[in-house]
N, C-alpha and C. Protein backbone atom coordinates (compact mmCIF):
# COMPACT_ATOMS: atom_id res chain seq x y z
N MET A 1 3.10 2.30 -11.08
CA MET A 1 3.83 2.53 -12.32
C MET A 1 5.00 3.46 -12.06
N ALA A 2 6.11 3.19 -12.67
CA ALA A 2 7.32 3.98 -12.43
C ALA A 2 7.20 5.36 -13.04
N PHE A 3 6.31 5.54 -13.98
CA PHE A 3 6.13 6.84 -14.59
C PHE A 3 4.71 6.96 -15.09
N ASP A 4 4.30 8.18 -15.35
CA ASP A 4 2.96 8.44 -15.87
C ASP A 4 3.08 8.85 -17.32
N LEU A 5 1.96 8.85 -18.02
CA LEU A 5 1.93 9.26 -19.42
C LEU A 5 0.81 10.27 -19.61
N THR A 6 1.13 11.35 -20.30
CA THR A 6 0.13 12.35 -20.62
C THR A 6 -0.70 11.90 -21.82
N LEU A 7 -1.78 12.60 -22.07
CA LEU A 7 -2.59 12.31 -23.25
C LEU A 7 -1.78 12.49 -24.52
N GLU A 8 -0.92 13.51 -24.54
CA GLU A 8 -0.08 13.74 -25.72
C GLU A 8 0.87 12.57 -25.96
N GLU A 9 1.48 12.06 -24.90
CA GLU A 9 2.40 10.93 -25.03
C GLU A 9 1.66 9.66 -25.44
N GLY A 10 0.46 9.47 -24.87
CA GLY A 10 -0.34 8.31 -25.25
C GLY A 10 -0.83 8.39 -26.67
N THR A 11 -1.16 9.61 -27.11
CA THR A 11 -1.58 9.82 -28.50
C THR A 11 -0.46 9.42 -29.44
N TYR A 12 0.78 9.76 -29.07
CA TYR A 12 1.92 9.36 -29.90
C TYR A 12 1.97 7.84 -30.02
N LEU A 13 1.76 7.12 -28.92
CA LEU A 13 1.83 5.67 -28.95
C LEU A 13 0.74 5.05 -29.81
N VAL A 14 -0.47 5.58 -29.72
CA VAL A 14 -1.57 5.03 -30.53
C VAL A 14 -1.32 5.30 -32.01
N LYS A 15 -0.87 6.50 -32.32
CA LYS A 15 -0.57 6.81 -33.73
C LYS A 15 0.61 5.98 -34.23
N LEU A 16 1.57 5.71 -33.33
CA LEU A 16 2.69 4.84 -33.69
C LEU A 16 2.20 3.43 -34.00
N ALA A 17 1.26 2.93 -33.21
CA ALA A 17 0.70 1.61 -33.47
C ALA A 17 0.05 1.55 -34.85
N ARG A 18 -0.69 2.59 -35.19
CA ARG A 18 -1.35 2.63 -36.52
C ARG A 18 -0.31 2.75 -37.62
N ARG A 19 0.70 3.60 -37.41
CA ARG A 19 1.76 3.75 -38.43
C ARG A 19 2.54 2.45 -38.61
N SER A 20 2.71 1.70 -37.52
CA SER A 20 3.45 0.45 -37.61
C SER A 20 2.70 -0.58 -38.44
N ILE A 21 1.38 -0.61 -38.30
CA ILE A 21 0.58 -1.53 -39.10
C ILE A 21 0.59 -1.11 -40.56
N GLU A 22 0.45 0.19 -40.80
CA GLU A 22 0.50 0.70 -42.17
C GLU A 22 1.85 0.38 -42.81
N ALA A 23 2.93 0.55 -42.04
CA ALA A 23 4.28 0.29 -42.56
C ALA A 23 4.45 -1.18 -42.93
N LYS A 24 3.84 -2.07 -42.16
CA LYS A 24 3.92 -3.50 -42.45
C LYS A 24 3.31 -3.83 -43.80
N PHE A 25 2.21 -3.18 -44.13
CA PHE A 25 1.58 -3.38 -45.43
C PHE A 25 2.54 -3.00 -46.56
N ASP A 26 3.35 -1.98 -46.30
CA ASP A 26 4.26 -1.46 -47.33
C ASP A 26 5.67 -2.02 -47.22
N GLY A 27 5.88 -2.95 -46.28
CA GLY A 27 7.19 -3.57 -46.14
C GLY A 27 8.23 -2.69 -45.49
N GLY A 28 7.78 -1.67 -44.75
CA GLY A 28 8.72 -0.76 -44.10
C GLY A 28 8.63 -0.83 -42.58
N GLU A 29 9.13 0.21 -41.94
CA GLU A 29 9.17 0.28 -40.49
C GLU A 29 8.80 1.70 -40.07
N ALA A 30 7.97 1.83 -39.05
CA ALA A 30 7.57 3.14 -38.56
C ALA A 30 8.73 3.83 -37.86
N ASP A 31 8.94 5.10 -38.16
CA ASP A 31 10.02 5.89 -37.57
C ASP A 31 9.68 6.26 -36.13
N ILE A 32 10.65 6.12 -35.22
CA ILE A 32 10.43 6.50 -33.82
C ILE A 32 11.47 7.51 -33.35
N SER A 33 12.10 8.19 -34.29
CA SER A 33 13.15 9.15 -33.91
C SER A 33 12.60 10.32 -33.11
N ASP A 34 11.29 10.60 -33.25
CA ASP A 34 10.67 11.71 -32.55
C ASP A 34 9.92 11.27 -31.31
N ALA A 35 10.15 10.05 -30.84
CA ALA A 35 9.41 9.52 -29.69
C ALA A 35 9.70 10.33 -28.42
N PRO A 36 8.67 10.66 -27.63
CA PRO A 36 8.89 11.34 -26.35
C PRO A 36 9.83 10.53 -25.46
N LYS A 37 10.65 11.23 -24.69
CA LYS A 37 11.68 10.56 -23.88
C LYS A 37 11.09 9.51 -22.95
N VAL A 38 9.94 9.80 -22.34
CA VAL A 38 9.36 8.88 -21.36
C VAL A 38 8.98 7.55 -22.01
N THR A 39 8.67 7.57 -23.30
CA THR A 39 8.25 6.34 -23.98
C THR A 39 9.42 5.44 -24.34
N ARG A 40 10.62 5.87 -24.00
CA ARG A 40 11.80 5.03 -24.25
C ARG A 40 12.17 4.21 -23.01
N GLN A 41 11.38 4.34 -21.96
CA GLN A 41 11.57 3.49 -20.79
C GLN A 41 10.91 2.13 -21.02
N GLU A 42 11.43 1.11 -20.38
CA GLU A 42 10.86 -0.23 -20.51
C GLU A 42 9.54 -0.31 -19.74
N CYS A 43 8.54 -0.95 -20.39
CA CYS A 43 7.22 -1.04 -19.78
C CYS A 43 6.41 -2.11 -20.48
N GLY A 44 5.54 -2.79 -19.73
CA GLY A 44 4.62 -3.73 -20.34
C GLY A 44 3.54 -2.99 -21.12
N VAL A 45 3.06 -3.59 -22.21
CA VAL A 45 2.07 -2.91 -23.04
C VAL A 45 1.30 -3.92 -23.87
N PHE A 46 0.03 -3.63 -24.11
CA PHE A 46 -0.80 -4.41 -25.02
C PHE A 46 -1.42 -3.47 -26.05
N VAL A 47 -1.54 -3.96 -27.28
CA VAL A 47 -2.27 -3.25 -28.32
C VAL A 47 -3.49 -4.08 -28.69
N THR A 48 -4.65 -3.44 -28.65
CA THR A 48 -5.92 -4.09 -28.96
C THR A 48 -6.53 -3.46 -30.20
N LEU A 49 -7.01 -4.28 -31.11
CA LEU A 49 -7.70 -3.83 -32.31
C LEU A 49 -9.16 -4.22 -32.22
N ASN A 50 -10.05 -3.26 -32.46
CA ASN A 50 -11.49 -3.53 -32.45
C ASN A 50 -12.09 -3.09 -33.78
N SER A 51 -12.71 -4.03 -34.47
CA SER A 51 -13.30 -3.74 -35.76
C SER A 51 -14.67 -3.10 -35.59
N LEU A 52 -14.96 -2.08 -36.39
CA LEU A 52 -16.27 -1.43 -36.39
C LEU A 52 -17.21 -2.06 -37.41
N LYS A 53 -16.75 -3.10 -38.08
CA LYS A 53 -17.58 -3.79 -39.06
C LYS A 53 -18.76 -4.43 -38.36
N GLY A 54 -19.95 -4.28 -38.92
CA GLY A 54 -21.14 -4.83 -38.29
C GLY A 54 -21.65 -3.89 -37.21
N THR A 55 -22.33 -4.43 -36.21
CA THR A 55 -22.90 -3.61 -35.15
C THR A 55 -22.19 -3.88 -33.84
N GLY A 56 -21.90 -2.82 -33.11
CA GLY A 56 -21.33 -2.95 -31.78
C GLY A 56 -19.83 -3.05 -31.72
N GLY A 57 -19.18 -3.44 -32.81
CA GLY A 57 -17.74 -3.59 -32.81
C GLY A 57 -17.32 -4.93 -32.23
N THR A 58 -16.25 -5.49 -32.76
CA THR A 58 -15.78 -6.79 -32.30
C THR A 58 -14.26 -6.79 -32.20
N LEU A 59 -13.75 -7.61 -31.29
CA LEU A 59 -12.30 -7.76 -31.14
C LEU A 59 -11.70 -8.28 -32.44
N ARG A 60 -10.60 -7.67 -32.86
CA ARG A 60 -9.94 -8.06 -34.11
C ARG A 60 -8.50 -8.50 -33.88
N GLY A 61 -8.01 -8.31 -32.67
CA GLY A 61 -6.66 -8.73 -32.34
C GLY A 61 -6.20 -8.08 -31.05
N CYS A 62 -5.40 -8.81 -30.27
CA CYS A 62 -4.85 -8.25 -29.02
C CYS A 62 -3.61 -9.03 -28.65
N ILE A 63 -2.47 -8.36 -28.63
CA ILE A 63 -1.18 -8.97 -28.31
C ILE A 63 -0.39 -7.98 -27.45
N GLY A 64 0.43 -8.50 -26.55
CA GLY A 64 1.25 -7.59 -25.77
C GLY A 64 2.25 -8.29 -24.87
N TYR A 65 2.95 -7.49 -24.10
CA TYR A 65 3.92 -7.95 -23.11
C TYR A 65 3.41 -7.56 -21.73
N PRO A 66 3.15 -8.54 -20.84
CA PRO A 66 2.67 -8.19 -19.50
C PRO A 66 3.73 -7.60 -18.60
N THR A 67 5.01 -7.81 -18.93
CA THR A 67 6.11 -7.29 -18.11
C THR A 67 7.03 -6.42 -18.95
N PRO A 68 7.80 -5.53 -18.31
CA PRO A 68 8.73 -4.68 -19.06
C PRO A 68 9.87 -5.50 -19.67
N VAL A 69 9.92 -5.59 -20.98
CA VAL A 69 10.98 -6.37 -21.64
C VAL A 69 11.79 -5.53 -22.63
N GLN A 70 11.26 -4.39 -23.04
CA GLN A 70 11.97 -3.52 -23.96
C GLN A 70 11.37 -2.12 -23.90
N PRO A 71 12.05 -1.10 -24.46
CA PRO A 71 11.49 0.26 -24.44
C PRO A 71 10.08 0.28 -25.01
N LEU A 72 9.25 1.11 -24.42
CA LEU A 72 7.83 1.14 -24.75
C LEU A 72 7.58 1.37 -26.24
N VAL A 73 8.31 2.28 -26.86
CA VAL A 73 8.07 2.55 -28.29
C VAL A 73 8.39 1.33 -29.14
N ASP A 74 9.45 0.61 -28.79
CA ASP A 74 9.80 -0.60 -29.53
C ASP A 74 8.74 -1.68 -29.34
N ALA A 75 8.26 -1.80 -28.09
CA ALA A 75 7.24 -2.79 -27.80
C ALA A 75 5.95 -2.49 -28.55
N VAL A 76 5.56 -1.21 -28.60
CA VAL A 76 4.33 -0.84 -29.30
C VAL A 76 4.43 -1.17 -30.78
N ARG A 77 5.56 -0.83 -31.40
CA ARG A 77 5.74 -1.17 -32.82
C ARG A 77 5.57 -2.67 -33.05
N GLU A 78 6.18 -3.44 -32.16
CA GLU A 78 6.18 -4.90 -32.34
C GLU A 78 4.80 -5.51 -32.10
N VAL A 79 4.16 -5.14 -30.99
CA VAL A 79 2.89 -5.81 -30.66
C VAL A 79 1.73 -5.27 -31.49
N ALA A 80 1.84 -4.05 -32.01
CA ALA A 80 0.80 -3.56 -32.92
C ALA A 80 0.76 -4.44 -34.17
N GLN A 81 1.92 -4.73 -34.73
CA GLN A 81 1.97 -5.59 -35.90
C GLN A 81 1.54 -7.01 -35.54
N ALA A 82 1.92 -7.48 -34.36
CA ALA A 82 1.52 -8.82 -33.95
C ALA A 82 0.01 -8.92 -33.78
N ALA A 83 -0.61 -7.88 -33.20
CA ALA A 83 -2.06 -7.89 -33.03
C ALA A 83 -2.77 -7.92 -34.38
N ALA A 84 -2.19 -7.24 -35.36
CA ALA A 84 -2.81 -7.16 -36.69
C ALA A 84 -2.58 -8.41 -37.52
N PHE A 85 -1.42 -9.04 -37.37
CA PHE A 85 -1.05 -10.10 -38.31
C PHE A 85 -0.74 -11.46 -37.68
N ASP A 86 -0.55 -11.51 -36.36
CA ASP A 86 -0.08 -12.75 -35.75
C ASP A 86 -0.96 -13.28 -34.61
N ASP A 87 -2.10 -12.65 -34.35
CA ASP A 87 -2.99 -13.18 -33.33
C ASP A 87 -3.61 -14.47 -33.87
N PRO A 88 -3.33 -15.61 -33.26
CA PRO A 88 -3.80 -16.88 -33.82
C PRO A 88 -5.32 -17.05 -33.85
N ARG A 89 -6.03 -16.18 -33.14
CA ARG A 89 -7.49 -16.28 -33.11
C ARG A 89 -8.16 -15.68 -34.34
N PHE A 90 -7.38 -14.89 -35.12
CA PHE A 90 -7.97 -14.15 -36.22
C PHE A 90 -7.11 -14.26 -37.48
N PRO A 91 -7.73 -14.09 -38.66
CA PRO A 91 -6.91 -13.99 -39.88
C PRO A 91 -6.14 -12.68 -39.88
N GLU A 92 -5.12 -12.59 -40.72
CA GLU A 92 -4.35 -11.35 -40.81
C GLU A 92 -5.25 -10.18 -41.21
N LEU A 93 -4.99 -9.03 -40.61
CA LEU A 93 -5.74 -7.83 -40.95
C LEU A 93 -5.48 -7.46 -42.40
N ARG A 94 -6.54 -7.13 -43.12
CA ARG A 94 -6.40 -6.67 -44.50
C ARG A 94 -6.27 -5.15 -44.52
N ARG A 95 -5.63 -4.64 -45.54
CA ARG A 95 -5.44 -3.20 -45.65
C ARG A 95 -6.77 -2.45 -45.62
N ASP A 96 -7.79 -3.01 -46.28
CA ASP A 96 -9.08 -2.31 -46.33
C ASP A 96 -9.84 -2.35 -45.01
N GLU A 97 -9.35 -3.14 -44.04
CA GLU A 97 -9.98 -3.18 -42.72
C GLU A 97 -9.45 -2.08 -41.80
N LEU A 98 -8.25 -1.62 -42.03
CA LEU A 98 -7.62 -0.67 -41.11
C LEU A 98 -8.44 0.61 -40.92
N PRO A 99 -9.06 1.17 -41.97
CA PRO A 99 -9.84 2.39 -41.77
C PRO A 99 -11.10 2.19 -40.91
N ILE A 100 -11.50 0.94 -40.65
CA ILE A 100 -12.66 0.70 -39.78
C ILE A 100 -12.23 -0.05 -38.52
N THR A 101 -10.97 0.11 -38.15
CA THR A 101 -10.44 -0.56 -36.96
C THR A 101 -9.96 0.45 -35.94
N LEU A 102 -10.51 0.37 -34.72
CA LEU A 102 -10.07 1.21 -33.62
C LEU A 102 -8.83 0.60 -32.96
N ILE A 103 -7.89 1.46 -32.60
CA ILE A 103 -6.66 1.00 -31.96
C ILE A 103 -6.61 1.50 -30.52
N GLU A 104 -6.26 0.58 -29.62
CA GLU A 104 -6.18 0.88 -28.20
C GLU A 104 -4.82 0.42 -27.68
N VAL A 105 -4.15 1.29 -26.93
CA VAL A 105 -2.87 0.95 -26.33
C VAL A 105 -3.01 0.99 -24.81
N SER A 106 -2.70 -0.12 -24.15
CA SER A 106 -2.76 -0.22 -22.70
C SER A 106 -1.35 -0.36 -22.15
N VAL A 107 -0.91 0.63 -21.38
CA VAL A 107 0.43 0.63 -20.79
C VAL A 107 0.29 0.11 -19.36
N LEU A 108 1.05 -0.94 -19.02
CA LEU A 108 0.81 -1.68 -17.79
C LEU A 108 1.83 -1.39 -16.70
N THR A 109 1.36 -1.47 -15.46
CA THR A 109 2.27 -1.52 -14.32
C THR A 109 2.83 -2.94 -14.22
N PRO A 110 3.99 -3.12 -13.58
CA PRO A 110 4.51 -4.48 -13.38
C PRO A 110 3.52 -5.32 -12.56
N PRO A 111 3.26 -6.56 -12.95
CA PRO A 111 2.33 -7.40 -12.19
C PRO A 111 2.84 -7.66 -10.77
N GLU A 112 1.91 -7.73 -9.83
CA GLU A 112 2.24 -8.08 -8.45
C GLU A 112 1.40 -9.28 -8.04
N ILE A 113 2.04 -10.28 -7.42
CA ILE A 113 1.33 -11.46 -6.95
C ILE A 113 0.42 -11.09 -5.79
N ILE A 114 -0.83 -11.56 -5.85
CA ILE A 114 -1.78 -11.34 -4.76
C ILE A 114 -1.60 -12.46 -3.74
N ASN A 115 -1.24 -12.10 -2.52
CA ASN A 115 -1.05 -13.08 -1.46
C ASN A 115 -2.27 -13.10 -0.53
N VAL A 116 -2.85 -14.26 -0.37
CA VAL A 116 -4.02 -14.42 0.51
C VAL A 116 -3.80 -15.65 1.38
N VAL A 117 -4.52 -15.71 2.50
CA VAL A 117 -4.46 -16.87 3.38
C VAL A 117 -5.26 -18.02 2.78
N LYS A 118 -6.45 -17.69 2.27
CA LYS A 118 -7.32 -18.68 1.64
C LYS A 118 -7.73 -18.16 0.26
N PRO A 119 -7.83 -19.06 -0.74
CA PRO A 119 -8.19 -18.62 -2.10
C PRO A 119 -9.53 -17.88 -2.20
N ASP A 120 -10.46 -18.18 -1.31
CA ASP A 120 -11.76 -17.51 -1.40
C ASP A 120 -11.67 -16.03 -1.04
N GLN A 121 -10.47 -15.57 -0.64
CA GLN A 121 -10.27 -14.14 -0.36
C GLN A 121 -9.89 -13.36 -1.61
N TYR A 122 -9.55 -14.06 -2.69
CA TYR A 122 -9.13 -13.36 -3.91
C TYR A 122 -10.13 -12.31 -4.40
N PRO A 123 -11.44 -12.62 -4.45
CA PRO A 123 -12.37 -11.61 -4.97
C PRO A 123 -12.32 -10.28 -4.23
N ASN A 124 -12.00 -10.33 -2.93
CA ASN A 124 -11.92 -9.09 -2.15
C ASN A 124 -10.69 -8.26 -2.50
N MET A 125 -9.74 -8.87 -3.21
CA MET A 125 -8.49 -8.20 -3.56
C MET A 125 -8.49 -7.66 -4.99
N VAL A 126 -9.59 -7.88 -5.71
CA VAL A 126 -9.68 -7.48 -7.12
C VAL A 126 -10.62 -6.29 -7.27
N ARG A 127 -10.12 -5.21 -7.85
CA ARG A 127 -10.92 -4.00 -8.05
C ARG A 127 -11.35 -3.93 -9.51
N ILE A 128 -12.62 -4.12 -9.74
CA ILE A 128 -13.15 -4.10 -11.11
C ILE A 128 -12.98 -2.70 -11.71
N GLY A 129 -12.47 -2.67 -12.93
CA GLY A 129 -12.23 -1.40 -13.61
C GLY A 129 -10.88 -0.78 -13.30
N VAL A 130 -10.17 -1.36 -12.34
CA VAL A 130 -8.84 -0.87 -11.96
C VAL A 130 -7.77 -1.92 -12.21
N ASP A 131 -8.04 -3.15 -11.75
CA ASP A 131 -7.05 -4.21 -11.84
C ASP A 131 -7.26 -5.09 -13.08
N GLY A 132 -6.15 -5.44 -13.72
CA GLY A 132 -6.13 -6.55 -14.66
C GLY A 132 -5.62 -7.76 -13.93
N LEU A 133 -5.82 -8.95 -14.50
CA LEU A 133 -5.44 -10.18 -13.82
C LEU A 133 -4.58 -11.07 -14.69
N ILE A 134 -3.68 -11.80 -14.02
CA ILE A 134 -2.91 -12.87 -14.64
C ILE A 134 -3.06 -14.10 -13.78
N VAL A 135 -3.50 -15.20 -14.38
CA VAL A 135 -3.62 -16.48 -13.69
C VAL A 135 -2.55 -17.43 -14.23
N LYS A 136 -1.81 -18.07 -13.33
CA LYS A 136 -0.80 -19.04 -13.73
C LYS A 136 -0.97 -20.32 -12.92
N LYS A 137 -0.90 -21.44 -13.60
CA LYS A 137 -0.89 -22.75 -12.94
C LYS A 137 -0.13 -23.71 -13.84
N GLY A 138 0.98 -24.24 -13.33
CA GLY A 138 1.80 -25.09 -14.16
C GLY A 138 2.36 -24.32 -15.34
N PHE A 139 2.20 -24.88 -16.53
CA PHE A 139 2.69 -24.22 -17.74
C PHE A 139 1.63 -23.32 -18.39
N ARG A 140 0.48 -23.21 -17.78
CA ARG A 140 -0.61 -22.42 -18.37
C ARG A 140 -0.71 -21.05 -17.71
N SER A 141 -1.02 -20.06 -18.51
CA SER A 141 -1.24 -18.72 -17.97
C SER A 141 -2.23 -17.97 -18.85
N GLY A 142 -2.95 -17.05 -18.25
CA GLY A 142 -3.91 -16.23 -18.98
C GLY A 142 -3.95 -14.83 -18.41
N LEU A 143 -4.16 -13.84 -19.26
CA LEU A 143 -4.18 -12.44 -18.86
C LEU A 143 -5.44 -11.77 -19.41
N LEU A 144 -6.08 -10.98 -18.58
CA LEU A 144 -7.19 -10.14 -19.02
C LEU A 144 -6.94 -8.71 -18.55
N LEU A 145 -7.10 -7.75 -19.45
CA LEU A 145 -6.88 -6.34 -19.14
C LEU A 145 -8.01 -5.80 -18.26
N PRO A 146 -7.75 -4.72 -17.52
CA PRO A 146 -8.77 -4.17 -16.61
C PRO A 146 -10.09 -3.83 -17.30
N GLN A 147 -10.02 -3.32 -18.52
CA GLN A 147 -11.23 -2.87 -19.21
C GLN A 147 -12.15 -4.00 -19.60
N VAL A 148 -11.63 -5.22 -19.67
CA VAL A 148 -12.44 -6.37 -20.10
C VAL A 148 -13.57 -6.64 -19.10
N ALA A 149 -13.25 -6.59 -17.82
CA ALA A 149 -14.27 -6.85 -16.80
C ALA A 149 -15.39 -5.82 -16.86
N LEU A 150 -15.03 -4.57 -17.14
CA LEU A 150 -16.05 -3.52 -17.27
C LEU A 150 -16.91 -3.74 -18.49
N GLU A 151 -16.28 -4.09 -19.61
CA GLU A 151 -17.02 -4.28 -20.86
C GLU A 151 -18.06 -5.38 -20.75
N TRP A 152 -17.75 -6.40 -19.94
CA TRP A 152 -18.65 -7.55 -19.80
C TRP A 152 -19.45 -7.53 -18.50
N SER A 153 -19.29 -6.47 -17.71
CA SER A 153 -20.02 -6.32 -16.44
C SER A 153 -19.80 -7.50 -15.50
N TRP A 154 -18.54 -7.94 -15.40
CA TRP A 154 -18.21 -9.05 -14.52
C TRP A 154 -17.97 -8.57 -13.10
N ASP A 155 -18.35 -9.40 -12.13
CA ASP A 155 -17.93 -9.16 -10.76
C ASP A 155 -16.56 -9.83 -10.56
N PRO A 156 -15.91 -9.63 -9.40
CA PRO A 156 -14.57 -10.19 -9.22
C PRO A 156 -14.49 -11.71 -9.41
N GLU A 157 -15.48 -12.45 -8.92
CA GLU A 157 -15.45 -13.91 -9.06
C GLU A 157 -15.53 -14.31 -10.53
N LYS A 158 -16.39 -13.65 -11.28
CA LYS A 158 -16.52 -13.95 -12.71
C LYS A 158 -15.24 -13.58 -13.44
N PHE A 159 -14.64 -12.48 -13.06
CA PHE A 159 -13.38 -12.04 -13.67
C PHE A 159 -12.28 -13.08 -13.45
N LEU A 160 -12.18 -13.58 -12.23
CA LEU A 160 -11.20 -14.61 -11.91
C LEU A 160 -11.47 -15.89 -12.72
N SER A 161 -12.73 -16.26 -12.81
CA SER A 161 -13.09 -17.48 -13.55
C SER A 161 -12.78 -17.35 -15.03
N GLN A 162 -13.08 -16.18 -15.60
CA GLN A 162 -12.83 -15.97 -17.02
C GLN A 162 -11.34 -15.92 -17.32
N CYS A 163 -10.56 -15.43 -16.37
CA CYS A 163 -9.11 -15.41 -16.56
C CYS A 163 -8.55 -16.84 -16.53
N CYS A 164 -9.15 -17.69 -15.70
CA CYS A 164 -8.76 -19.10 -15.70
C CYS A 164 -9.07 -19.75 -17.05
N ILE A 165 -10.25 -19.46 -17.58
CA ILE A 165 -10.63 -20.00 -18.88
C ILE A 165 -9.67 -19.51 -19.95
N LYS A 166 -9.27 -18.23 -19.88
CA LYS A 166 -8.31 -17.67 -20.84
C LYS A 166 -6.99 -18.45 -20.78
N ALA A 167 -6.65 -18.96 -19.60
CA ALA A 167 -5.42 -19.72 -19.42
C ALA A 167 -5.57 -21.18 -19.86
N GLY A 168 -6.79 -21.55 -20.26
CA GLY A 168 -7.01 -22.94 -20.63
C GLY A 168 -7.20 -23.85 -19.43
N LEU A 169 -7.62 -23.26 -18.32
CA LEU A 169 -7.83 -23.99 -17.08
C LEU A 169 -9.32 -24.07 -16.75
N PRO A 170 -9.74 -25.02 -15.92
CA PRO A 170 -11.12 -25.01 -15.43
C PRO A 170 -11.42 -23.68 -14.74
N GLN A 171 -12.67 -23.22 -14.84
CA GLN A 171 -12.99 -21.87 -14.37
C GLN A 171 -12.84 -21.68 -12.86
N ASP A 172 -12.85 -22.78 -12.10
CA ASP A 172 -12.69 -22.65 -10.66
C ASP A 172 -11.25 -22.86 -10.20
N SER A 173 -10.30 -22.81 -11.14
CA SER A 173 -8.90 -23.07 -10.80
C SER A 173 -8.32 -22.04 -9.84
N TRP A 174 -8.90 -20.86 -9.79
CA TRP A 174 -8.38 -19.84 -8.88
C TRP A 174 -8.58 -20.23 -7.42
N LEU A 175 -9.42 -21.23 -7.17
CA LEU A 175 -9.65 -21.71 -5.82
C LEU A 175 -8.72 -22.86 -5.44
N LEU A 176 -7.92 -23.33 -6.39
CA LEU A 176 -7.11 -24.52 -6.17
C LEU A 176 -5.70 -24.17 -5.72
N LYS A 177 -5.13 -25.04 -4.92
CA LYS A 177 -3.75 -24.89 -4.46
C LYS A 177 -2.80 -24.93 -5.66
N GLY A 178 -1.79 -24.06 -5.64
CA GLY A 178 -0.81 -24.04 -6.72
C GLY A 178 -1.13 -23.06 -7.83
N THR A 179 -2.29 -22.41 -7.76
CA THR A 179 -2.63 -21.38 -8.75
C THR A 179 -2.13 -20.03 -8.26
N GLU A 180 -1.41 -19.33 -9.12
CA GLU A 180 -0.86 -18.01 -8.78
C GLU A 180 -1.69 -16.93 -9.46
N ILE A 181 -2.16 -15.97 -8.67
CA ILE A 181 -2.95 -14.85 -9.18
C ILE A 181 -2.16 -13.56 -9.01
N SER A 182 -2.00 -12.83 -10.09
CA SER A 182 -1.34 -11.52 -10.05
C SER A 182 -2.29 -10.45 -10.57
N ARG A 183 -2.06 -9.22 -10.15
CA ARG A 183 -2.85 -8.10 -10.65
C ARG A 183 -1.91 -7.01 -11.14
N PHE A 184 -2.44 -6.17 -12.01
CA PHE A 184 -1.71 -5.02 -12.52
C PHE A 184 -2.72 -3.94 -12.86
N GLN A 185 -2.25 -2.74 -13.10
CA GLN A 185 -3.11 -1.65 -13.54
C GLN A 185 -2.65 -1.16 -14.91
N ALA A 186 -3.42 -0.29 -15.52
CA ALA A 186 -3.09 0.17 -16.87
C ALA A 186 -3.55 1.60 -17.10
N ILE A 187 -2.77 2.31 -17.92
CA ILE A 187 -3.23 3.56 -18.51
C ILE A 187 -3.63 3.21 -19.94
N ILE A 188 -4.84 3.56 -20.31
CA ILE A 188 -5.41 3.10 -21.58
C ILE A 188 -5.65 4.30 -22.49
N PHE A 189 -5.14 4.22 -23.70
CA PHE A 189 -5.34 5.26 -24.71
C PHE A 189 -6.09 4.65 -25.88
N THR A 190 -7.24 5.25 -26.23
CA THR A 190 -8.12 4.65 -27.23
C THR A 190 -8.56 5.69 -28.26
N GLU A 191 -8.58 5.28 -29.52
CA GLU A 191 -9.14 6.13 -30.56
C GLU A 191 -10.65 6.24 -30.40
N ILE A 192 -11.18 7.46 -30.59
CA ILE A 192 -12.63 7.65 -30.58
C ILE A 192 -13.21 7.17 -31.91
N ILE A 193 -12.53 7.52 -33.00
CA ILE A 193 -12.83 7.00 -34.32
C ILE A 193 -11.51 6.56 -34.93
N PRO A 194 -11.51 5.61 -35.87
CA PRO A 194 -10.25 5.15 -36.44
C PRO A 194 -9.39 6.28 -37.00
N GLY A 195 -8.18 6.39 -36.50
CA GLY A 195 -7.26 7.44 -36.95
C GLY A 195 -7.58 8.81 -36.41
N GLY A 196 -8.56 8.91 -35.50
CA GLY A 196 -8.99 10.22 -34.99
C GLY A 196 -8.43 10.52 -33.61
N ASP A 197 -9.17 11.36 -32.86
CA ASP A 197 -8.73 11.79 -31.54
C ASP A 197 -8.63 10.61 -30.58
N ILE A 198 -7.81 10.81 -29.53
CA ILE A 198 -7.52 9.77 -28.55
C ILE A 198 -8.07 10.21 -27.19
N VAL A 199 -8.57 9.25 -26.42
CA VAL A 199 -8.97 9.52 -25.04
C VAL A 199 -8.09 8.70 -24.10
N ARG A 200 -7.89 9.22 -22.89
CA ARG A 200 -7.07 8.55 -21.87
C ARG A 200 -7.96 8.07 -20.75
N GLU A 201 -7.77 6.82 -20.34
CA GLU A 201 -8.54 6.25 -19.24
C GLU A 201 -7.62 5.43 -18.36
N GLY A 202 -8.16 4.99 -17.24
CA GLY A 202 -7.41 4.07 -16.40
C GLY A 202 -6.67 4.74 -15.28
N LEU A 203 -5.52 4.15 -14.91
CA LEU A 203 -4.77 4.50 -13.71
C LEU A 203 -4.42 5.98 -13.67
N ASP A 204 -4.69 6.61 -12.52
CA ASP A 204 -4.25 7.98 -12.27
C ASP A 204 -3.40 7.98 -11.01
N HIS A 205 -2.54 8.98 -10.88
CA HIS A 205 -1.62 9.08 -9.75
C HIS A 205 -1.94 10.34 -8.95
C-alpha cells in the first residue's frame, strides 16, 4: 500500500460511510471538508454492511472499487450509498435498519497478478487472513475480501474455488488455462456496535 491509515483516519472513513447513508435518506450529501489529508489519495475501497437482525448477523450489502479510481473519501461516500441502496442481492436499506447495521470499510492495496508455472501452485501463494482474491476469466470476474476466508474457515483451495463461484464460473476454474488470479491486502475498519467505536484490523507495515 502506498500509504498507511491510523485508527483515527479509519474511524473518520467509517463514520463518513454512515453519514453518507444517512444523508441519502434526507436527500443530501455528507460533508468531507474536514477529511484527513491522507484520505484524499486515490485508493481501492469496499464498504460492507452487516445486519444485526436475528442471530449471528448477516450480510446486508457490499460494494466497492478494487482499484484506485478516485480519492478515498469520495469513493467511500459513493460505495457506502451503493452498498445500502444498489447492491442487487438485497432490497434497499430502510432507515429503521441503519441503527442495527454494522459498517465496515476495507481499504485495499492495488491488486497484483499471481504468476505461477502451474495452476496447482496457486494455493501456496494465497495467505488466508492476509490476501483477498480476484478471479478473472473472459468477461467474468469475482472478488472476495481477505476477511471472508477467515469468517468461513476456508483453506486456500476453498477460497480460490469460492472466488470462482463469485465470478459466475465453475469452482475449479482457477485450475484452467486463461484464468487470471490476483491478490491484494486490506486495512479493515469495523464498528464494534452500530455507530459506536471502531477497531482496526488487517495489513500492517
